[in-house]
Amino acid sequence: MVALNARSVAHIAELHALALQLGGRDEGGPGHRPQYGDGFHSAYVRDPDGNKLAFVYYASTD
């Protein structure tokens, strides 16, 4: 899996939507993943070659 840092929670949604438009397959829509930490947000896709991509953003929990 390749993880790519996003600029914000909204950016994750934009990247996920773009990846799907370009032929990616949904592996987990944008959302908060509390099991990985309070501020962890991500989305997952598989590219047309089968590689898994993660779009990740750590929101400040202060």
PDB file of N, CA and C in Angstrom:
ATOM      1  N   MET A   1       0.846  -1.179   0.000  1.00  0.00           N
ATOM      2  CA  MET A   1       0.000   0.000   0.000  1.00  0.00           C
ATOM      3  C   MET A   1       0.890   1.240   0.000  1.00  0.00           C
ATOM      4  N   VAL A   2       0.436   2.229  -0.743  1.00  0.00           N
ATOM      5  CA  VAL A   2       1.105   3.527  -0.794  1.00  0.00           C
ATOM      6  C   VAL A   2       0.195   4.530  -0.099  1.00  0.00           C
ATOM      7  N   ALA A   3       0.721   5.247   0.892  1.00  0.00           N
ATOM      8  CA  ALA A   3      -0.053   6.266   1.603  1.00  0.00           C
ATOM      9  C   ALA A   3       0.383   7.646   1.132  1.00  0.00           C
ATOM     10  N   LEU A   4      -0.601   8.483   0.821  1.00  0.00           N
ATOM     11  CA  LEU A   4      -0.351   9.842   0.353  1.00  0.00           C
ATOM     12  C   LEU A   4      -1.005  10.822   1.317  1.00  0.00           C
ATOM     13  N   ASN A   5      -0.244  11.825   1.763  1.00  0.00           N
ATOM     14  CA  ASN A   5      -0.780  12.826   2.682  1.00  0.00           C
ATOM     15  C   ASN A   5      -1.696  13.797   1.956  1.00  0.00           C
ATOM     16  N   ALA A   6      -2.860  14.023   2.529  1.00  0.00           N
ATOM     17  CA  ALA A   6      -3.805  15.017   2.021  1.00  0.00           C
ATOM     18  C   ALA A   6      -3.665  16.294   2.847  1.00  0.00           C
ATOM     19  N   ARG A   7      -4.171  17.413   2.304  1.00  0.00           N
ATOM     20  CA  ARG A   7      -4.083  18.708   2.986  1.00  0.00           C
ATOM     21  C   ARG A   7      -5.194  18.919   4.007  1.00  0.00           C
ATOM     22  N   SER A   8      -6.291  18.169   3.872  1.00  0.00           N
ATOM     23  CA  SER A   8      -7.449  18.350   4.752  1.00  0.00           C
ATOM     24  C   SER A   8      -8.388  17.155   4.585  1.00  0.00           C
ATOM     25  N   VAL A   9      -9.407  17.123   5.421  1.00  0.00           N
ATOM     26  CA  VAL A   9     -10.433  16.085   5.289  1.00  0.00           C
ATOM     27  C   VAL A   9     -11.136  16.222   3.937  1.00  0.00           C
ATOM     28  N   ALA A  10     -11.433  17.453   3.534  1.00  0.00           N
ATOM     29  CA  ALA A  10     -12.086  17.684   2.236  1.00  0.00           C
ATOM     30  C   ALA A  10     -11.200  17.225   1.082  1.00  0.00           C
ATOM     31  N   HIS A  11      -9.896  17.409   1.224  1.00  0.00           N
ATOM     32  CA  HIS A  11      -8.959  16.992   0.175  1.00  0.00           C
ATOM     33  C   HIS A  11      -8.992  15.473  -0.003  1.00  0.00           C
ATOM     34  N   ILE A  12      -9.158  14.734   1.084  1.00  0.00           N
ATOM     35  CA  ILE A  12      -9.283  13.275   0.993  1.00  0.00           C
ATOM     36  C   ILE A  12     -10.461  12.916   0.091  1.00  0.00           C
ATOM     37  N   ALA A  13     -11.590  13.563   0.309  1.00  0.00           N
ATOM     38  CA  ALA A  13     -12.781  13.278  -0.503  1.00  0.00           C
ATOM     39  C   ALA A  13     -12.536  13.610  -1.969  1.00  0.00           C
ATOM     40  N   GLU A  14     -11.848  14.718  -2.235  1.00  0.00           N
ATOM     41  CA  GLU A  14     -11.536  15.101  -3.618  1.00  0.00           C
ATOM     42  C   GLU A  14     -10.628  14.072  -4.283  1.00  0.00           C
ATOM     43  N   LEU A  15      -9.582  13.648  -3.574  1.00  0.00           N
ATOM     44  CA  LEU A  15      -8.645  12.663  -4.130  1.00  0.00           C
ATOM     45  C   LEU A  15      -9.336  11.325  -4.380  1.00  0.00           C
ATOM     46  N   HIS A  16     -10.170  10.902  -3.444  1.00  0.00           N
ATOM     47  CA  HIS A  16     -10.897   9.642  -3.572  1.00  0.00           C
ATOM     48  C   HIS A  16     -11.816   9.686  -4.793  1.00  0.00           C
ATOM     49  N   ALA A  17     -12.573  10.773  -4.941  1.00  0.00           N
ATOM     50  CA  ALA A  17     -13.483  10.915  -6.088  1.00  0.00           C
ATOM     51  C   ALA A  17     -12.712  10.922  -7.406  1.00  0.00           C
ATOM     52  N   LEU A  18     -11.601  11.623  -7.450  1.00  0.00           N
ATOM     53  CA  LEU A  18     -10.789  11.675  -8.666  1.00  0.00           C
ATOM     54  C   LEU A  18     -10.249  10.293  -9.018  1.00  0.00           C
ATOM     55  N   ALA A  19      -9.758   9.570  -8.017  1.00  0.00           N
ATOM     56  CA  ALA A  19      -9.229   8.229  -8.266  1.00  0.00           C
ATOM     57  C   ALA A  19     -10.306   7.312  -8.844  1.00  0.00           C
ATOM     58  N   LEU A  20     -11.534   7.417  -8.340  1.00  0.00           N
ATOM     59  CA  LEU A  20     -12.630   6.600  -8.869  1.00  0.00           C
ATOM     60  C   LEU A  20     -12.966   6.998 -10.301  1.00  0.00           C
ATOM     61  N   GLN A  21     -12.957   8.296 -10.591  1.00  0.00           N
ATOM     62  CA  GLN A  21     -13.223   8.768 -11.956  1.00  0.00           C
ATOM     63  C   GLN A  21     -12.182   8.249 -12.942  1.00  0.00           C
ATOM     64  N   LEU A  22     -10.958   8.064 -12.458  1.00  0.00           N
ATOM     65  CA  LEU A  22      -9.862   7.625 -13.321  1.00  0.00           C
ATOM     66  C   LEU A  22      -9.724   6.105 -13.386  1.00  0.00           C
ATOM     67  N   GLY A  23     -10.726   5.384 -12.871  1.00  0.00           N
ATOM     68  CA  GLY A  23     -10.727   3.934 -13.002  1.00  0.00           C
ATOM     69  C   GLY A  23     -10.349   3.163 -11.763  1.00  0.00           C
ATOM     70  N   GLY A  24     -10.161   3.848 -10.644  1.00  0.00           N
ATOM     71  CA  GLY A  24      -9.859   3.158  -9.393  1.00  0.00           C
ATOM     72  C   GLY A  24     -11.091   2.454  -8.847  1.00  0.00           C
ATOM     73  N   ARG A  25     -10.862   1.524  -7.929  1.00  0.00           N
ATOM     74  CA  ARG A  25     -11.938   0.756  -7.291  1.00  0.00           C
ATOM     75  C   ARG A  25     -11.983   1.118  -5.806  1.00  0.00           C
ATOM     76  N   ASP A  26     -13.147   1.426  -5.302  1.00  0.00           N
ATOM     77  CA  ASP A  26     -13.312   1.825  -3.906  1.00  0.00           C
ATOM     78  C   ASP A  26     -12.905   0.705  -2.959  1.00  0.00           C
ATOM     79  N   GLU A  27     -12.076   1.057  -1.970  1.00  0.00           N
ATOM     80  CA  GLU A  27     -11.656   0.108  -0.935  1.00  0.00           C
ATOM     81  C   GLU A  27     -11.960   0.657   0.455  1.00  0.00           C
ATOM     82  N   GLY A  28     -12.704   1.755   0.521  1.00  0.00           N
ATOM     83  CA  GLY A  28     -13.054   2.380   1.799  1.00  0.00           C
ATOM     84  C   GLY A  28     -13.200   3.873   1.609  1.00  0.00           C
ATOM     85  N   GLY A  29     -14.425   4.339   1.674  1.00  0.00           N
ATOM     86  CA  GLY A  29     -14.699   5.749   1.427  1.00  0.00           C
ATOM     87  C   GLY A  29     -14.098   6.670   2.468  1.00  0.00           C
ATOM     88  N   PRO A  30     -14.090   7.961   2.177  1.00  0.00           N
ATOM     89  CA  PRO A  30     -13.527   8.944   3.094  1.00  0.00           C
ATOM     90  C   PRO A  30     -14.226   8.907   4.452  1.00  0.00           C
ATOM     91  N   GLY A  31     -13.427   8.976   5.499  1.00  0.00           N
ATOM     92  CA  GLY A  31     -14.021   9.002   6.835  1.00  0.00           C
ATOM     93  C   GLY A  31     -12.989   8.989   7.934  1.00  0.00           C
ATOM     94  N   HIS A  32     -13.496   9.216   9.139  1.00  0.00           N
ATOM     95  CA  HIS A  32     -12.679   9.182  10.354  1.00  0.00           C
ATOM     96  C   HIS A  32     -12.431   7.722  10.711  1.00  0.00           C
ATOM     97  N   ARG A  33     -11.201   7.399  11.027  1.00  0.00           N
ATOM     98  CA  ARG A  33     -10.837   6.034  11.418  1.00  0.00           C
ATOM     99  C   ARG A  33     -10.292   6.085  12.848  1.00  0.00           C
ATOM    100  N   PRO A  34     -11.173   6.119  13.859  1.00  0.00           N
ATOM    101  CA  PRO A  34     -10.721   6.292  15.240  1.00  0.00           C
ATOM    102  C   PRO A  34      -9.834   5.162  15.743  1.00  0.00           C
ATOM    103  N   GLN A  35      -9.916   4.004  15.122  1.00  0.00           N
ATOM    104  CA  GLN A  35      -9.067   2.889  15.552  1.00  0.00           C
ATOM    105  C   GLN A  35      -7.582   3.177  15.311  1.00  0.00           C
ATOM    106  N   TYR A  36      -7.271   4.181  14.481  1.00  0.00           N
ATOM    107  CA  TYR A  36      -5.889   4.555  14.193  1.00  0.00           C
ATOM    108  C   TYR A  36      -5.485   5.853  14.874  1.00  0.00           C
ATOM    109  N   GLY A  37      -6.345   6.407  15.712  1.00  0.00           N
ATOM    110  CA  GLY A  37      -6.042   7.641  16.432  1.00  0.00           C
ATOM    111  C   GLY A  37      -7.174   8.637  16.282  1.00  0.00           C
ATOM    112  N   ASP A  38      -7.302   9.519  17.261  1.00  0.00           N
ATOM    113  CA  ASP A  38      -8.416  10.465  17.293  1.00  0.00           C
ATOM    114  C   ASP A  38      -8.505  11.341  16.048  1.00  0.00           C
ATOM    115  N   GLY A  39      -7.379  11.756  15.482  1.00  0.00           N
ATOM    116  CA  GLY A  39      -7.399  12.676  14.355  1.00  0.00           C
ATOM    117  C   GLY A  39      -7.165  12.036  13.000  1.00  0.00           C
ATOM    118  N   PHE A  40      -7.238  10.708  12.924  1.00  0.00           N
ATOM    119  CA  PHE A  40      -6.905  10.011  11.679  1.00  0.00           C
ATOM    120  C   PHE A  40      -8.113   9.933  10.754  1.00  0.00           C
ATOM    121  N   HIS A  41      -7.952  10.463   9.536  1.00  0.00           N
ATOM    122  CA  HIS A  41      -8.974  10.401   8.491  1.00  0.00           C
ATOM    123  C   HIS A  41      -8.323   9.810   7.244  1.00  0.00           C
ATOM    124  N   SER A  42      -9.074   8.989   6.506  1.00  0.00           N
ATOM    125  CA  SER A  42      -8.486   8.369   5.321  1.00  0.00           C
ATOM    126  C   SER A  42      -9.557   7.893   4.349  1.00  0.00           C
ATOM    127  N   ALA A  43      -9.095   7.521   3.167  1.00  0.00           N
ATOM    128  CA  ALA A  43      -9.907   6.865   2.145  1.00  0.00           C
ATOM    129  C   ALA A  43      -8.968   5.936   1.387  1.00  0.00           C
ATOM    130  N   TYR A  44      -9.519   4.874   0.820  1.00  0.00           N
ATOM    131  CA  TYR A  44      -8.704   3.859   0.162  1.00  0.00           C
ATOM    132  C   TYR A  44      -9.267   3.503  -1.209  1.00  0.00           C
ATOM    133  N   VAL A  45      -8.375   3.292  -2.155  1.00  0.00           N
ATOM    134  CA  VAL A  45      -8.750   2.842  -3.496  1.00  0.00           C
ATOM    135  C   VAL A  45      -7.707   1.843  -3.993  1.00  0.00           C
ATOM    136  N   ARG A  46      -8.096   1.073  -4.995  1.00  0.00           N
ATOM    137  CA  ARG A  46      -7.148   0.255  -5.755  1.00  0.00           C
ATOM    138  C   ARG A  46      -7.067   0.864  -7.137  1.00  0.00           C
ATOM    139  N   ASP A  47      -5.857   1.046  -7.621  1.00  0.00           N
ATOM    140  CA  ASP A  47      -5.703   1.576  -8.976  1.00  0.00           C
ATOM    141  C   ASP A  47      -5.987   0.461  -9.986  1.00  0.00           C
ATOM    142  N   PRO A  48      -6.061   0.775 -11.277  1.00  0.00           N
ATOM    143  CA  PRO A  48      -6.378  -0.255 -12.278  1.00  0.00           C
ATOM    144  C   PRO A  48      -5.397  -1.435 -12.298  1.00  0.00           C
ATOM    145  N   ASP A  49      -4.182  -1.242 -11.773  1.00  0.00           N
ATOM    146  CA  ASP A  49      -3.212  -2.340 -11.703  1.00  0.00           C
ATOM    147  C   ASP A  49      -3.330  -3.148 -10.417  1.00  0.00           C
ATOM    148  N   GLY A  50      -4.231  -2.747  -9.520  1.00  0.00           N
ATOM    149  CA  GLY A  50      -4.438  -3.484  -8.280  1.00  0.00           C
ATOM    150  C   GLY A  50      -3.667  -2.959  -7.083  1.00  0.00           C
ATOM    151  N   ASN A  51      -2.907  -1.890  -7.249  1.00  0.00           N
ATOM    152  CA  ASN A  51      -2.170  -1.310  -6.128  1.00  0.00           C
ATOM    153  C   ASN A  51      -3.131  -0.568  -5.207  1.00  0.00           C
ATOM    154  N   LYS A  52      -2.961  -0.744  -3.892  1.00  0.00           N
ATOM    155  CA  LYS A  52      -3.818  -0.054  -2.938  1.00  0.00           C
ATOM    156  C   LYS A  52      -3.210   1.291  -2.580  1.00  0.00           C
ATOM    157  N   LEU A  53      -4.035   2.335  -2.634  1.00  0.00           N
ATOM    158  CA  LEU A  53      -3.622   3.691  -2.285  1.00  0.00           C
ATOM    159  C   LEU A  53      -4.446   4.160  -1.096  1.00  0.00           C
ATOM    160  N   ALA A  54      -3.787   4.845  -0.178  1.00  0.00           N
ATOM    161  CA  ALA A  54      -4.467   5.447   0.969  1.00  0.00           C
ATOM    162  C   ALA A  54      -4.242   6.946   0.920  1.00  0.00           C
ATOM    163  N   PHE A  55      -5.318   7.700   1.048  1.00  0.00           N
ATOM    164  CA  PHE A  55      -5.238   9.153   1.174  1.00  0.00           C
ATOM    165  C   PHE A  55      -5.467   9.449   2.653  1.00  0.00           C
ATOM    166  N   VAL A  56      -4.507  10.101   3.290  1.00  0.00           N
ATOM    167  CA  VAL A  56      -4.490  10.212   4.750  1.00  0.00           C
ATOM    168  C   VAL A  56      -4.344  11.660   5.197  1.00  0.00           C
ATOM    169  N   TYR A  57      -5.056  12.001   6.278  1.00  0.00           N
ATOM    170  CA  TYR A  57      -4.914  13.312   6.917  1.00  0.00           C
ATOM    171  C   TYR A  57      -5.042  13.121   8.420  1.00  0.00           C
ATOM    172  N   TYR A  58      -4.110  13.707   9.167  1.00  0.00           N
ATOM    173  CA  TYR A  58      -4.159  13.696  10.626  1.00  0.00           C
ATOM    174  C   TYR A  58      -4.652  15.059  11.091  1.00  0.00           C
ATOM    175  N   ALA A  59      -5.879  15.125  11.582  1.00  0.00           N
ATOM    176  CA  ALA A  59      -6.443  16.380  12.075  1.00  0.00           C
ATOM    177  C   ALA A  59      -5.945  16.633  13.491  1.00  0.00           C
ATOM    178  N   SER A  60      -5.720  17.877  13.815  1.00  0.00           N
ATOM    179  CA  SER A  60      -5.312  18.254  15.163  1.00  0.00           C
ATOM    180  C   SER A  60      -6.446  17.950  16.131  1.00  0.00           C
ATOM    181  N   THR A  61      -6.123  17.340  17.247  1.00  0.00           N
ATOM    182  CA  THR A  61      -7.134  17.020  18.253  1.00  0.00           C
ATOM    183  C   THR A  61      -7.002  17.920  19.467  1.00  0.00           C
ATOM    184  N   ASP A  62      -6.236  19.001  19.337  1.00  0.00           N
ATOM    185  CA  ASP A  62      -6.045  19.939  20.461  1.00  0.00           C
ATOM    186  C   ASP A  62      -7.287  20.744  20.731  1.00  0.00           C
TER     187      ASP A  62
END
